[in-house]
Amino acid sequence: MKRFWTAAAAVRGHHCWIIELDGKPLRTPARAVLELPTEQLAQAVAAEWAAAGENVNPRAMPLTGLANAAVDRIAPDPKAFAQGLAKYAEADLTCYRAEGPSKLVEVQSAAWDTLLGQARRGYDVDFAVTNGLVHVSQPKGTIERLAHEVHQLAAFELAALSPLVTIGGSLVAALALIDGALSADDAWGAVSVDERWQIDQWGADPEAVAALDNRRRDFLAAARFLALLRD
């Protein structure tokens, strides 16, 4: 898409904020007016449009993409969307530990035991932890309690939660980030333990490093989106 506007601005609407491009409201791919819940998020989205070059690169506008998803994909049926994300409670990354080498086991434990401990205390649940990749069933109460937390989130929060969970593989880490118990950098550090350990041990393969950098960028963009909802 070629840039077709000169100025982008966040404008106060009725109970929301909108983005105007040369005075006209920005619309989602489904042609709905993009209504944003906080001024902070609206200003950041407007900044993405203001910074766009002559040829618009959607990858450089992650906040806009998440906002579009919230309005077009999630808001029509947030319950169904939340149900899909809640399933990650059944096989959380933090519950599957390596059988070896011992150093990797130690690194995983250092990153993940604290997360599980916070969740145990915060939600009054327990977790089954295993060594290896064979599926281990989680207590029914744990699955239901974490699912309840997901279902309490609004459409824009679910839009942020989705990449946090699908990129990181951990609903526990994503909920800790939402609750403010974990910073964005610490959350990324926790969910990328295995990949970073492999790179440290075997060297930096350019493709693997690029893939990890792309995941980190998208993960941190979702974390920033979430932070901008806290007006």
C-alpha atoms as a PDB file:
ATOM      1  CA  MET A   1       0.000   0.000   0.000  1.00  0.00           C
ATOM      2  CA  LYS A   2       1.235   3.454  -0.890  1.00  0.00           C
ATOM      3  CA  ARG A   3       1.036   6.183   1.707  1.00  0.00           C
ATOM      4  CA  PHE A   4      -2.056   8.247   0.921  1.00  0.00           C
ATOM      5  CA  TRP A   5      -2.145  10.617   3.912  1.00  0.00           C
ATOM      6  CA  THR A   6      -0.094  13.498   5.219  1.00  0.00           C
ATOM      7  CA  ALA A   7      -0.964  13.669   8.909  1.00  0.00           C
ATOM      8  CA  ALA A   8      -2.102  11.107  11.485  1.00  0.00           C
ATOM      9  CA  ALA A   9      -3.659  12.119  14.804  1.00  0.00           C
ATOM     10  CA  ALA A  10      -5.364  10.532  17.810  1.00  0.00           C
ATOM     11  CA  VAL A  11      -8.758  12.143  18.396  1.00  0.00           C
ATOM     12  CA  ARG A  12     -11.163  11.791  21.308  1.00  0.00           C
ATOM     13  CA  GLY A  13     -14.398  10.098  20.264  1.00  0.00           C
ATOM     14  CA  HIS A  14     -17.490   8.980  22.171  1.00  0.00           C
ATOM     15  CA  HIS A  15     -16.173   6.818  25.043  1.00  0.00           C
ATOM     16  CA  CYS A  16     -13.125   5.908  22.939  1.00  0.00           C
ATOM     17  CA  TRP A  17     -10.270   7.251  20.837  1.00  0.00           C
ATOM     18  CA  ILE A  18     -10.001   7.120  17.063  1.00  0.00           C
ATOM     19  CA  ILE A  19      -7.219   7.744  14.575  1.00  0.00           C
ATOM     20  CA  GLU A  20      -7.729  10.324  11.876  1.00  0.00           C
ATOM     21  CA  LEU A  21      -5.695  10.381   8.688  1.00  0.00           C
ATOM     22  CA  ASP A  22      -6.005  13.867   7.210  1.00  0.00           C
ATOM     23  CA  GLY A  23      -9.222  14.275   9.188  1.00  0.00           C
ATOM     24  CA  LYS A  24     -10.817  10.975   8.133  1.00  0.00           C
ATOM     25  CA  PRO A  25     -11.284   8.106  10.623  1.00  0.00           C
ATOM     26  CA  LEU A  26      -9.001   5.110  10.216  1.00  0.00           C
ATOM     27  CA  ARG A  27     -10.889   1.889   9.509  1.00  0.00           C
ATOM     28  CA  THR A  28     -10.054  -1.752  10.078  1.00  0.00           C
ATOM     29  CA  PRO A  29      -9.720  -4.270   7.228  1.00  0.00           C
ATOM     30  CA  ALA A  30     -13.398  -5.138   7.839  1.00  0.00           C
ATOM     31  CA  ARG A  31     -14.221  -1.422   7.379  1.00  0.00           C
ATOM     32  CA  ALA A  32     -15.163  -0.708  10.993  1.00  0.00           C
ATOM     33  CA  VAL A  33     -13.929   2.531  12.533  1.00  0.00           C
ATOM     34  CA  LEU A  34     -10.868   1.650  14.623  1.00  0.00           C
ATOM     35  CA  GLU A  35     -12.014   2.599  18.126  1.00  0.00           C
ATOM     36  CA  LEU A  36      -9.305   2.399  20.788  1.00  0.00           C
ATOM     37  CA  PRO A  37      -9.928   2.217  24.540  1.00  0.00           C
ATOM     38  CA  THR A  38      -7.080   4.413  25.855  1.00  0.00           C
ATOM     39  CA  GLU A  39      -5.357   7.610  24.840  1.00  0.00           C
ATOM     40  CA  GLN A  40      -1.941   5.996  25.261  1.00  0.00           C
ATOM     41  CA  LEU A  41      -2.739   3.279  22.758  1.00  0.00           C
ATOM     42  CA  ALA A  42      -4.320   5.756  20.341  1.00  0.00           C
ATOM     43  CA  GLN A  43      -1.249   7.998  20.428  1.00  0.00           C
ATOM     44  CA  ALA A  44       1.030   5.018  19.803  1.00  0.00           C
ATOM     45  CA  VAL A  45      -1.067   3.769  16.880  1.00  0.00           C
ATOM     46  CA  ALA A  46      -1.166   7.273  15.410  1.00  0.00           C
ATOM     47  CA  ALA A  47       2.634   7.397  15.727  1.00  0.00           C
ATOM     48  CA  GLU A  48       2.912   4.198  13.658  1.00  0.00           C
ATOM     49  CA  TRP A  49       0.900   5.796  10.857  1.00  0.00           C
ATOM     50  CA  ALA A  50       2.796   9.068  11.104  1.00  0.00           C
ATOM     51  CA  ALA A  51       6.128   7.218  10.825  1.00  0.00           C
ATOM     52  CA  ALA A  52       5.137   5.131   7.791  1.00  0.00           C
ATOM     53  CA  GLY A  53       7.197   5.572   4.663  1.00  0.00           C
ATOM     54  CA  GLU A  54       6.033   5.979   1.101  1.00  0.00           C
ATOM     55  CA  ASN A  55       5.448   2.222   0.879  1.00  0.00           C
ATOM     56  CA  VAL A  56       3.550   1.083   3.966  1.00  0.00           C
ATOM     57  CA  ASN A  57       4.982  -1.981   5.718  1.00  0.00           C
ATOM     58  CA  PRO A  58       2.359  -3.642   7.973  1.00  0.00           C
ATOM     59  CA  ARG A  59       5.140  -5.450   9.880  1.00  0.00           C
ATOM     60  CA  ALA A  60       6.292  -2.050  11.099  1.00  0.00           C
ATOM     61  CA  MET A  61       2.821  -1.355  12.537  1.00  0.00           C
ATOM     62  CA  PRO A  62       2.279  -4.154  15.095  1.00  0.00           C
ATOM     63  CA  LEU A  63       0.047  -2.098  17.393  1.00  0.00           C
ATOM     64  CA  THR A  64      -2.299  -1.327  14.524  1.00  0.00           C
ATOM     65  CA  GLY A  65      -2.426  -5.003  13.617  1.00  0.00           C
ATOM     66  CA  LEU A  66      -3.334  -6.043  17.158  1.00  0.00           C
ATOM     67  CA  ALA A  67      -5.981  -3.333  17.397  1.00  0.00           C
ATOM     68  CA  ASN A  68      -7.493  -4.451  14.089  1.00  0.00           C
ATOM     69  CA  ALA A  69      -7.607  -8.021  15.411  1.00  0.00           C
ATOM     70  CA  ALA A  70      -9.344  -6.892  18.600  1.00  0.00           C
ATOM     71  CA  VAL A  71     -12.074  -5.102  16.656  1.00  0.00           C
ATOM     72  CA  ASP A  72     -12.566  -7.421  13.665  1.00  0.00           C
ATOM     73  CA  ARG A  73     -11.745 -10.895  14.984  1.00  0.00           C
ATOM     74  CA  ILE A  74     -12.202 -10.901  18.746  1.00  0.00           C
ATOM     75  CA  ALA A  75     -14.901  -8.391  19.706  1.00  0.00           C
ATOM     76  CA  PRO A  76     -17.665 -10.194  17.730  1.00  0.00           C
ATOM     77  CA  ASP A  77     -17.218 -13.325  19.907  1.00  0.00           C
ATOM     78  CA  PRO A  78     -14.665 -12.841  22.700  1.00  0.00           C
ATOM     79  CA  LYS A  79     -15.859 -15.950  24.547  1.00  0.00           C
ATOM     80  CA  ALA A  80     -14.947 -18.238  21.654  1.00  0.00           C
ATOM     81  CA  PHE A  81     -11.571 -16.566  21.215  1.00  0.00           C
ATOM     82  CA  ALA A  82     -10.822 -16.817  24.937  1.00  0.00           C
ATOM     83  CA  GLN A  83     -11.742 -20.481  24.912  1.00  0.00           C
ATOM     84  CA  GLY A  84      -9.059 -21.190  22.324  1.00  0.00           C
ATOM     85  CA  LEU A  85      -6.359 -19.425  24.336  1.00  0.00           C
ATOM     86  CA  ALA A  86      -7.455 -21.068  27.583  1.00  0.00           C
ATOM     87  CA  LYS A  87      -6.564 -24.482  26.154  1.00  0.00           C
ATOM     88  CA  TYR A  88      -2.891 -23.601  26.588  1.00  0.00           C
ATOM     89  CA  ALA A  89      -3.397 -24.274  30.296  1.00  0.00           C
ATOM     90  CA  GLU A  90      -3.498 -27.979  29.423  1.00  0.00           C
ATOM     91  CA  ALA A  91       0.119 -28.060  28.163  1.00  0.00           C
ATOM     92  CA  ASP A  92       2.043 -25.058  29.459  1.00  0.00           C
ATOM     93  CA  LEU A  93       5.690 -24.757  28.419  1.00  0.00           C
ATOM     94  CA  THR A  94       6.796 -24.336  32.024  1.00  0.00           C
ATOM     95  CA  CYS A  95       5.572 -27.827  32.937  1.00  0.00           C
ATOM     96  CA  TYR A  96       7.796 -29.668  30.429  1.00  0.00           C
ATOM     97  CA  ARG A  97      11.415 -29.887  31.512  1.00  0.00           C
ATOM     98  CA  ALA A  98      14.402 -31.343  29.688  1.00  0.00           C
ATOM     99  CA  GLU A  99      15.766 -34.706  30.801  1.00  0.00           C
ATOM    100  CA  GLY A 100      19.279 -33.347  30.262  1.00  0.00           C
ATOM    101  CA  PRO A 101      21.874 -31.995  30.131  1.00  0.00           C
ATOM    102  CA  SER A 102      21.888 -30.944  33.763  1.00  0.00           C
ATOM    103  CA  LYS A 103      22.814 -27.341  32.988  1.00  0.00           C
ATOM    104  CA  LEU A 104      19.712 -26.888  30.821  1.00  0.00           C
ATOM    105  CA  VAL A 105      17.573 -28.468  33.539  1.00  0.00           C
ATOM    106  CA  GLU A 106      18.992 -25.946  36.012  1.00  0.00           C
ATOM    107  CA  VAL A 107      18.348 -23.008  33.687  1.00  0.00           C
ATOM    108  CA  GLN A 108      14.762 -24.118  33.077  1.00  0.00           C
ATOM    109  CA  SER A 109      14.135 -24.585  36.792  1.00  0.00           C
ATOM    110  CA  ALA A 110      15.542 -21.152  37.594  1.00  0.00           C
ATOM    111  CA  ALA A 111      13.246 -19.511  35.031  1.00  0.00           C
ATOM    112  CA  TRP A 112      10.087 -21.572  35.450  1.00  0.00           C
ATOM    113  CA  ASP A 113       9.843 -22.623  39.083  1.00  0.00           C
ATOM    114  CA  THR A 114       9.301 -19.021  40.141  1.00  0.00           C
ATOM    115  CA  LEU A 115       6.539 -18.595  37.565  1.00  0.00           C
ATOM    116  CA  LEU A 116       4.730 -21.721  38.688  1.00  0.00           C
ATOM    117  CA  GLY A 117       5.164 -20.701  42.312  1.00  0.00           C
ATOM    118  CA  GLN A 118       3.571 -17.314  41.634  1.00  0.00           C
ATOM    119  CA  ALA A 119       0.659 -18.968  39.842  1.00  0.00           C
ATOM    120  CA  ARG A 120       0.175 -21.480  42.647  1.00  0.00           C
ATOM    121  CA  ARG A 121      -0.062 -18.701  45.211  1.00  0.00           C
ATOM    122  CA  GLY A 122      -1.992 -16.240  43.066  1.00  0.00           C
ATOM    123  CA  TYR A 123      -4.625 -18.618  41.745  1.00  0.00           C
ATOM    124  CA  ASP A 124      -4.590 -21.326  44.437  1.00  0.00           C
ATOM    125  CA  VAL A 125      -3.808 -24.062  41.906  1.00  0.00           C
ATOM    126  CA  ASP A 126      -1.197 -26.763  41.426  1.00  0.00           C
ATOM    127  CA  PHE A 127       0.716 -28.040  38.400  1.00  0.00           C
ATOM    128  CA  ALA A 128       1.980 -31.401  37.229  1.00  0.00           C
ATOM    129  CA  VAL A 129       5.574 -31.047  36.020  1.00  0.00           C
ATOM    130  CA  THR A 130       7.328 -33.687  33.914  1.00  0.00           C
ATOM    131  CA  ASN A 131      10.709 -34.358  32.320  1.00  0.00           C
ATOM    132  CA  GLY A 132      10.352 -34.977  28.602  1.00  0.00           C
ATOM    133  CA  LEU A 133       7.725 -34.264  25.977  1.00  0.00           C
ATOM    134  CA  VAL A 134       5.110 -36.887  26.827  1.00  0.00           C
ATOM    135  CA  HIS A 135       1.859 -35.140  27.693  1.00  0.00           C
ATOM    136  CA  VAL A 136       1.081 -34.809  31.379  1.00  0.00           C
ATOM    137  CA  SER A 137      -2.475 -33.992  32.449  1.00  0.00           C
ATOM    138  CA  GLN A 138      -2.974 -30.930  34.602  1.00  0.00           C
ATOM    139  CA  PRO A 139      -5.427 -30.918  37.529  1.00  0.00           C
ATOM    140  CA  LYS A 140      -8.949 -30.099  36.420  1.00  0.00           C
ATOM    141  CA  GLY A 141      -9.136 -27.244  38.924  1.00  0.00           C
ATOM    142  CA  THR A 142      -5.993 -25.661  37.492  1.00  0.00           C
ATOM    143  CA  ILE A 143      -7.324 -25.731  33.940  1.00  0.00           C
ATOM    144  CA  GLU A 144     -10.658 -24.268  35.036  1.00  0.00           C
ATOM    145  CA  ARG A 145      -9.079 -21.545  37.165  1.00  0.00           C
ATOM    146  CA  LEU A 146      -6.683 -20.343  34.460  1.00  0.00           C
ATOM    147  CA  ALA A 147      -9.469 -20.520  31.882  1.00  0.00           C
ATOM    148  CA  HIS A 148     -11.572 -18.323  34.157  1.00  0.00           C
ATOM    149  CA  GLU A 149      -8.791 -15.732  34.217  1.00  0.00           C
ATOM    150  CA  VAL A 150      -8.640 -15.693  30.419  1.00  0.00           C
ATOM    151  CA  HIS A 151     -12.407 -15.324  30.093  1.00  0.00           C
ATOM    152  CA  GLN A 152     -12.334 -12.208  32.292  1.00  0.00           C
ATOM    153  CA  LEU A 153     -10.284 -10.322  29.704  1.00  0.00           C
ATOM    154  CA  ALA A 154     -11.763  -7.814  27.265  1.00  0.00           C
ATOM    155  CA  ALA A 155     -11.238  -7.993  23.499  1.00  0.00           C
ATOM    156  CA  PHE A 156      -8.168  -5.731  23.423  1.00  0.00           C
ATOM    157  CA  GLU A 157      -6.538  -7.626  26.283  1.00  0.00           C
ATOM    158  CA  LEU A 158      -7.214 -10.894  24.462  1.00  0.00           C
ATOM    159  CA  ALA A 159      -5.586  -9.427  21.349  1.00  0.00           C
ATOM    160  CA  ALA A 160      -2.408  -8.884  23.383  1.00  0.00           C
ATOM    161  CA  LEU A 161      -2.653 -12.237  25.157  1.00  0.00           C
ATOM    162  CA  SER A 162      -2.868 -14.194  21.908  1.00  0.00           C
ATOM    163  CA  PRO A 163       0.688 -13.584  20.603  1.00  0.00           C
ATOM    164  CA  LEU A 164       2.093 -13.704  24.127  1.00  0.00           C
ATOM    165  CA  VAL A 165       0.716 -17.223  24.534  1.00  0.00           C
ATOM    166  CA  THR A 166       1.194 -18.558  21.016  1.00  0.00           C
ATOM    167  CA  ILE A 167       4.742 -17.229  20.636  1.00  0.00           C
ATOM    168  CA  GLY A 168       5.838 -18.079  24.155  1.00  0.00           C
ATOM    169  CA  GLY A 169       3.898 -21.310  24.627  1.00  0.00           C
ATOM    170  CA  SER A 170       3.095 -20.378  28.221  1.00  0.00           C
ATOM    171  CA  LEU A 171      -0.254 -19.152  29.485  1.00  0.00           C
ATOM    172  CA  VAL A 172       1.284 -18.953  32.970  1.00  0.00           C
ATOM    173  CA  ALA A 173       3.952 -16.475  31.823  1.00  0.00           C
ATOM    174  CA  ALA A 174       1.432 -14.419  29.834  1.00  0.00           C
ATOM    175  CA  LEU A 175      -0.950 -14.131  32.781  1.00  0.00           C
ATOM    176  CA  ALA A 176       1.955 -13.121  35.040  1.00  0.00           C
ATOM    177  CA  LEU A 177       2.703 -10.328  32.588  1.00  0.00           C
ATOM    178  CA  ILE A 178      -0.950  -9.252  32.553  1.00  0.00           C
ATOM    179  CA  ASP A 179      -1.056  -9.288  36.359  1.00  0.00           C
ATOM    180  CA  GLY A 180       2.067  -7.140  36.557  1.00  0.00           C
ATOM    181  CA  ALA A 181       4.047  -9.870  38.311  1.00  0.00           C
ATOM    182  CA  LEU A 182       6.553 -10.053  35.451  1.00  0.00           C
ATOM    183  CA  SER A 183       8.173  -7.484  33.175  1.00  0.00           C
ATOM    184  CA  ALA A 184       8.068  -7.879  29.407  1.00  0.00           C
ATOM    185  CA  ASP A 185      11.801  -8.609  29.222  1.00  0.00           C
ATOM    186  CA  ASP A 186      11.625 -11.150  32.039  1.00  0.00           C
ATOM    187  CA  ALA A 187       8.628 -12.836  30.430  1.00  0.00           C
ATOM    188  CA  TRP A 188      10.498 -13.130  27.142  1.00  0.00           C
ATOM    189  CA  GLY A 189      13.544 -14.438  28.969  1.00  0.00           C
ATOM    190  CA  ALA A 190      11.429 -17.150  30.580  1.00  0.00           C
ATOM    191  CA  VAL A 191       9.707 -18.384  27.430  1.00  0.00           C
ATOM    192  CA  SER A 192      12.867 -18.312  25.285  1.00  0.00           C
ATOM    193  CA  VAL A 193      15.100 -20.278  27.664  1.00  0.00           C
ATOM    194  CA  ASP A 194      15.463 -23.321  25.405  1.00  0.00           C
ATOM    195  CA  GLU A 195      16.286 -21.429  22.215  1.00  0.00           C
ATOM    196  CA  ARG A 196      18.795 -19.127  23.882  1.00  0.00           C
ATOM    197  CA  TRP A 197      20.476 -22.061  25.594  1.00  0.00           C
ATOM    198  CA  GLN A 198      20.840 -23.876  22.265  1.00  0.00           C
ATOM    199  CA  ILE A 199      22.421 -20.810  20.679  1.00  0.00           C
ATOM    200  CA  ASP A 200      24.799 -20.407  23.623  1.00  0.00           C
ATOM    201  CA  GLN A 201      25.838 -24.053  23.399  1.00  0.00           C
ATOM    202  CA  TRP A 202      26.094 -24.592  19.646  1.00  0.00           C
ATOM    203  CA  GLY A 203      26.705 -21.160  18.253  1.00  0.00           C
ATOM    204  CA  ALA A 204      24.560 -18.617  16.465  1.00  0.00           C
ATOM    205  CA  ASP A 205      23.039 -20.014  13.289  1.00  0.00           C
ATOM    206  CA  PRO A 206      21.921 -16.924  11.316  1.00  0.00           C
ATOM    207  CA  GLU A 207      18.494 -18.352  10.467  1.00  0.00           C
ATOM    208  CA  ALA A 208      17.823 -19.478  14.034  1.00  0.00           C
ATOM    209  CA  VAL A 209      18.919 -16.111  15.421  1.00  0.00           C
ATOM    210  CA  ALA A 210      16.740 -14.246  12.910  1.00  0.00           C
ATOM    211  CA  ALA A 211      13.722 -16.415  13.769  1.00  0.00           C
ATOM    212  CA  LEU A 212      14.258 -15.833  17.478  1.00  0.00           C
ATOM    213  CA  ASP A 213      14.650 -12.079  16.937  1.00  0.00           C
ATOM    214  CA  ASN A 214      11.378 -12.004  14.987  1.00  0.00           C
ATOM    215  CA  ARG A 215       9.575 -13.847  17.778  1.00  0.00           C
ATOM    216  CA  ARG A 216      11.046 -11.520  20.366  1.00  0.00           C
ATOM    217  CA  ARG A 217       9.935  -8.458  18.400  1.00  0.00           C
ATOM    218  CA  ASP A 218       6.353  -9.713  18.110  1.00  0.00           C
ATOM    219  CA  PHE A 219       6.260 -10.831  21.753  1.00  0.00           C
ATOM    220  CA  LEU A 220       7.478  -7.477  23.049  1.00  0.00           C
ATOM    221  CA  ALA A 221       5.091  -5.617  20.721  1.00  0.00           C
ATOM    222  CA  ALA A 222       2.193  -7.525  22.289  1.00  0.00           C
ATOM    223  CA  ALA A 223       3.538  -6.721  25.760  1.00  0.00           C
ATOM    224  CA  ARG A 224       3.727  -3.038  24.827  1.00  0.00           C
ATOM    225  CA  PHE A 225       0.176  -3.160  23.446  1.00  0.00           C
ATOM    226  CA  LEU A 226      -0.958  -4.584  26.784  1.00  0.00           C
ATOM    227  CA  ALA A 227       0.870  -1.862  28.725  1.00  0.00           C
ATOM    228  CA  LEU A 228      -0.789   0.837  26.608  1.00  0.00           C
ATOM    229  CA  LEU A 229      -4.211  -0.460  27.667  1.00  0.00           C
ATOM    230  CA  ARG A 230      -3.413   0.514  31.264  1.00  0.00           C
ATOM    231  CA  ASP A 231      -4.465   4.148  30.901  1.00  0.00           C
END
